[in-house]
Amino acid sequence: MAKCKTNFDNLCDRELLEQILRTVQDSSSASAGEKSHQRLYDNKALMDLLHIKDKYLKKLRDNGYLGYSREGDKYWYSQKDVDDFLIRFHYDAFATNPLRPIWEGGDL
C-alpha cells in the first residue's frame, strides 16, 4: 500500500479501500434488509389471501397468469408475483361522474 499524502483532500490507498469496503457493506446490508421484507406465500396462504380455491389457483398458474417458484411439490409466490397479477387484471372504475351518488333510489 502507498503511504498517505499530507494533503487531506487525497486519501491514502488504505483509507480509500476502507471507505469502499464500508460503502459495499452498507449497500449489501441495505439490500439484504429489503430482501428479508419481501413476502413469500405458499398455496394455502395465497388461497386465504385471495379467497380462492386450490383448483382456481392451479388454473391461474397453469395458464401463466400468476408467476411462481417451485421446489419439488411445493409452490411459492412472491409479493411481486401477486402484485403483478393484480395489476394485470385491474380494471378502473367506469363511472363518468365520481360525485354522482351510487344509489339514487328505485330497484337496482
C-alpha atoms as a PDB file:
ATOM      1  CA  MET A   1       0.000   0.000   0.000  1.00  0.00           C
ATOM      2  CA  ALA A   2       1.131   3.525  -0.716  1.00  0.00           C
ATOM      3  CA  LYS A   3       1.815   5.960   2.085  1.00  0.00           C
ATOM      4  CA  CYS A   4      -0.718   8.645   2.971  1.00  0.00           C
ATOM      5  CA  LYS A   5      -0.179  12.013   1.382  1.00  0.00           C
ATOM      6  CA  THR A   6      -0.072  15.129   3.514  1.00  0.00           C
ATOM      7  CA  ASN A   7      -2.920  16.718   1.543  1.00  0.00           C
ATOM      8  CA  PHE A   8      -6.196  15.891   3.338  1.00  0.00           C
ATOM      9  CA  ASP A   9      -8.151  16.058   0.080  1.00  0.00           C
ATOM     10  CA  ASN A  10      -6.400  12.935  -1.136  1.00  0.00           C
ATOM     11  CA  LEU A  11      -6.920   9.681   0.701  1.00  0.00           C
ATOM     12  CA  CYS A  12      -4.212   7.076   1.004  1.00  0.00           C
ATOM     13  CA  ASP A  13      -4.827   3.705  -0.615  1.00  0.00           C
ATOM     14  CA  ARG A  14      -5.699   2.057   2.683  1.00  0.00           C
ATOM     15  CA  GLU A  15      -8.225   4.748   3.645  1.00  0.00           C
ATOM     16  CA  LEU A  16      -9.752   4.630   0.174  1.00  0.00           C
ATOM     17  CA  LEU A  17     -10.111   0.841   0.309  1.00  0.00           C
ATOM     18  CA  GLU A  18     -11.643   1.041   3.785  1.00  0.00           C
ATOM     19  CA  GLN A  19     -14.133   3.639   2.565  1.00  0.00           C
ATOM     20  CA  ILE A  20     -15.046   1.473  -0.437  1.00  0.00           C
ATOM     21  CA  LEU A  21     -15.452  -1.562   1.829  1.00  0.00           C
ATOM     22  CA  ARG A  22     -17.754   0.386   4.181  1.00  0.00           C
ATOM     23  CA  THR A  23     -19.847   1.542   1.215  1.00  0.00           C
ATOM     24  CA  VAL A  24     -20.159  -2.010  -0.151  1.00  0.00           C
ATOM     25  CA  GLN A  25     -21.067  -3.395   3.283  1.00  0.00           C
ATOM     26  CA  ASP A  26     -23.682  -0.680   3.813  1.00  0.00           C
ATOM     27  CA  SER A  27     -25.280  -1.311   0.421  1.00  0.00           C
ATOM     28  CA  SER A  28     -25.254  -5.094   0.847  1.00  0.00           C
ATOM     29  CA  SER A  29     -26.824  -4.868   4.304  1.00  0.00           C
ATOM     30  CA  ALA A  30     -29.475  -2.497   2.917  1.00  0.00           C
ATOM     31  CA  SER A  31     -30.328  -4.852   0.047  1.00  0.00           C
ATOM     32  CA  ALA A  32     -30.368  -7.812   2.446  1.00  0.00           C
ATOM     33  CA  GLY A  33     -32.854  -5.897   4.583  1.00  0.00           C
ATOM     34  CA  GLU A  34     -35.039  -5.271   1.547  1.00  0.00           C
ATOM     35  CA  LYS A  35     -34.963  -8.949   0.598  1.00  0.00           C
ATOM     36  CA  SER A  36     -35.909 -10.023   4.117  1.00  0.00           C
ATOM     37  CA  HIS A  37     -39.037  -7.831   3.941  1.00  0.00           C
ATOM     38  CA  GLN A  38     -40.221  -9.449   0.706  1.00  0.00           C
ATOM     39  CA  ARG A  39     -43.180 -11.660   1.477  1.00  0.00           C
ATOM     40  CA  LEU A  40     -43.488 -15.227   0.278  1.00  0.00           C
ATOM     41  CA  TYR A  41     -46.735 -17.165   0.164  1.00  0.00           C
ATOM     42  CA  ASP A  42     -47.355 -20.870  -0.117  1.00  0.00           C
ATOM     43  CA  ASN A  43     -50.537 -22.254  -1.694  1.00  0.00           C
ATOM     44  CA  LYS A  44     -52.611 -22.099   1.484  1.00  0.00           C
ATOM     45  CA  ALA A  45     -51.538 -18.573   2.415  1.00  0.00           C
ATOM     46  CA  LEU A  46     -52.266 -17.268  -1.091  1.00  0.00           C
ATOM     47  CA  MET A  47     -55.643 -19.008  -1.245  1.00  0.00           C
ATOM     48  CA  ASP A  48     -56.548 -17.412   2.088  1.00  0.00           C
ATOM     49  CA  LEU A  49     -55.294 -14.010   0.937  1.00  0.00           C
ATOM     50  CA  LEU A  50     -57.194 -14.025  -2.383  1.00  0.00           C
ATOM     51  CA  HIS A  51     -60.188 -16.037  -1.092  1.00  0.00           C
ATOM     52  CA  ILE A  52     -59.901 -18.613  -3.869  1.00  0.00           C
ATOM     53  CA  LYS A  53     -59.906 -22.403  -4.026  1.00  0.00           C
ATOM     54  CA  ASP A  54     -56.970 -24.650  -4.911  1.00  0.00           C
ATOM     55  CA  LYS A  55     -58.331 -25.559  -8.364  1.00  0.00           C
ATOM     56  CA  TYR A  56     -58.607 -21.894  -9.336  1.00  0.00           C
ATOM     57  CA  LEU A  57     -55.078 -21.196  -8.066  1.00  0.00           C
ATOM     58  CA  LYS A  58     -53.798 -24.107 -10.173  1.00  0.00           C
ATOM     59  CA  LYS A  59     -55.661 -22.706 -13.194  1.00  0.00           C
ATOM     60  CA  LEU A  60     -54.014 -19.292 -12.703  1.00  0.00           C
ATOM     61  CA  ARG A  61     -50.592 -20.965 -12.538  1.00  0.00           C
ATOM     62  CA  ASP A  62     -51.178 -23.301 -15.486  1.00  0.00           C
ATOM     63  CA  ASN A  63     -52.467 -20.501 -17.747  1.00  0.00           C
ATOM     64  CA  GLY A  64     -49.479 -18.296 -16.923  1.00  0.00           C
ATOM     65  CA  TYR A  65     -51.484 -15.578 -15.176  1.00  0.00           C
ATOM     66  CA  LEU A  66     -49.669 -15.938 -11.855  1.00  0.00           C
ATOM     67  CA  GLY A  67     -45.906 -16.273 -11.510  1.00  0.00           C
ATOM     68  CA  TYR A  68     -44.465 -18.744  -9.032  1.00  0.00           C
ATOM     69  CA  SER A  69     -41.397 -20.642  -7.921  1.00  0.00           C
ATOM     70  CA  ARG A  70     -41.412 -24.373  -7.366  1.00  0.00           C
ATOM     71  CA  GLU A  71     -39.310 -26.649  -5.240  1.00  0.00           C
ATOM     72  CA  GLY A  72     -40.383 -30.261  -5.507  1.00  0.00           C
ATOM     73  CA  ASP A  73     -44.120 -30.310  -4.983  1.00  0.00           C
ATOM     74  CA  LYS A  74     -44.146 -27.002  -3.047  1.00  0.00           C
ATOM     75  CA  TYR A  75     -45.174 -23.767  -4.800  1.00  0.00           C
ATOM     76  CA  TRP A  76     -44.063 -20.333  -3.626  1.00  0.00           C
ATOM     77  CA  TYR A  77     -45.402 -16.949  -4.692  1.00  0.00           C
ATOM     78  CA  SER A  78     -43.509 -13.723  -4.062  1.00  0.00           C
ATOM     79  CA  GLN A  79     -45.238 -10.453  -3.267  1.00  0.00           C
ATOM     80  CA  LYS A  80     -44.081  -9.245  -6.700  1.00  0.00           C
ATOM     81  CA  ASP A  81     -45.844 -12.212  -8.367  1.00  0.00           C
ATOM     82  CA  VAL A  82     -49.071 -11.336  -6.563  1.00  0.00           C
ATOM     83  CA  ASP A  83     -48.745  -7.596  -7.290  1.00  0.00           C
ATOM     84  CA  ASP A  84     -48.069  -8.240 -10.995  1.00  0.00           C
ATOM     85  CA  PHE A  85     -51.131 -10.493 -11.189  1.00  0.00           C
ATOM     86  CA  LEU A  86     -53.373  -7.921  -9.502  1.00  0.00           C
ATOM     87  CA  ILE A  87     -52.085  -5.087 -11.692  1.00  0.00           C
ATOM     88  CA  ARG A  88     -52.558  -7.136 -14.863  1.00  0.00           C
ATOM     89  CA  PHE A  89     -56.202  -7.836 -14.077  1.00  0.00           C
ATOM     90  CA  HIS A  90     -57.077  -4.458 -12.577  1.00  0.00           C
ATOM     91  CA  TYR A  91     -59.953  -2.550 -14.167  1.00  0.00           C
ATOM     92  CA  ASP A  92     -60.563   1.125 -13.482  1.00  0.00           C
ATOM     93  CA  ALA A  93     -63.979   2.302 -12.368  1.00  0.00           C
ATOM     94  CA  PHE A  94     -66.118   3.217 -15.353  1.00  0.00           C
ATOM     95  CA  ALA A  95     -68.495   5.697 -13.704  1.00  0.00           C
ATOM     96  CA  THR A  96     -68.415   9.012 -15.578  1.00  0.00           C
ATOM     97  CA  ASN A  97     -69.255  11.284 -12.647  1.00  0.00           C
ATOM     98  CA  PRO A  98     -67.478  10.424  -9.390  1.00  0.00           C
ATOM     99  CA  LEU A  99     -69.708  12.862  -7.464  1.00  0.00           C
ATOM    100  CA  ARG A 100     -72.910  11.092  -8.563  1.00  0.00           C
ATOM    101  CA  PRO A 101     -74.481   9.073  -5.764  1.00  0.00           C
ATOM    102  CA  ILE A 102     -74.032   5.334  -6.166  1.00  0.00           C
ATOM    103  CA  TRP A 103     -77.668   4.571  -5.455  1.00  0.00           C
ATOM    104  CA  GLU A 104     -80.378   7.019  -6.442  1.00  0.00           C
ATOM    105  CA  GLY A 105     -83.389   5.079  -5.291  1.00  0.00           C
ATOM    106  CA  GLY A 106     -85.614   2.548  -7.007  1.00  0.00           C
ATOM    107  CA  ASP A 107     -84.689  -1.020  -7.764  1.00  0.00           C
ATOM    108  CA  LEU A 108     -81.114  -1.941  -8.552  1.00  0.00           C
END
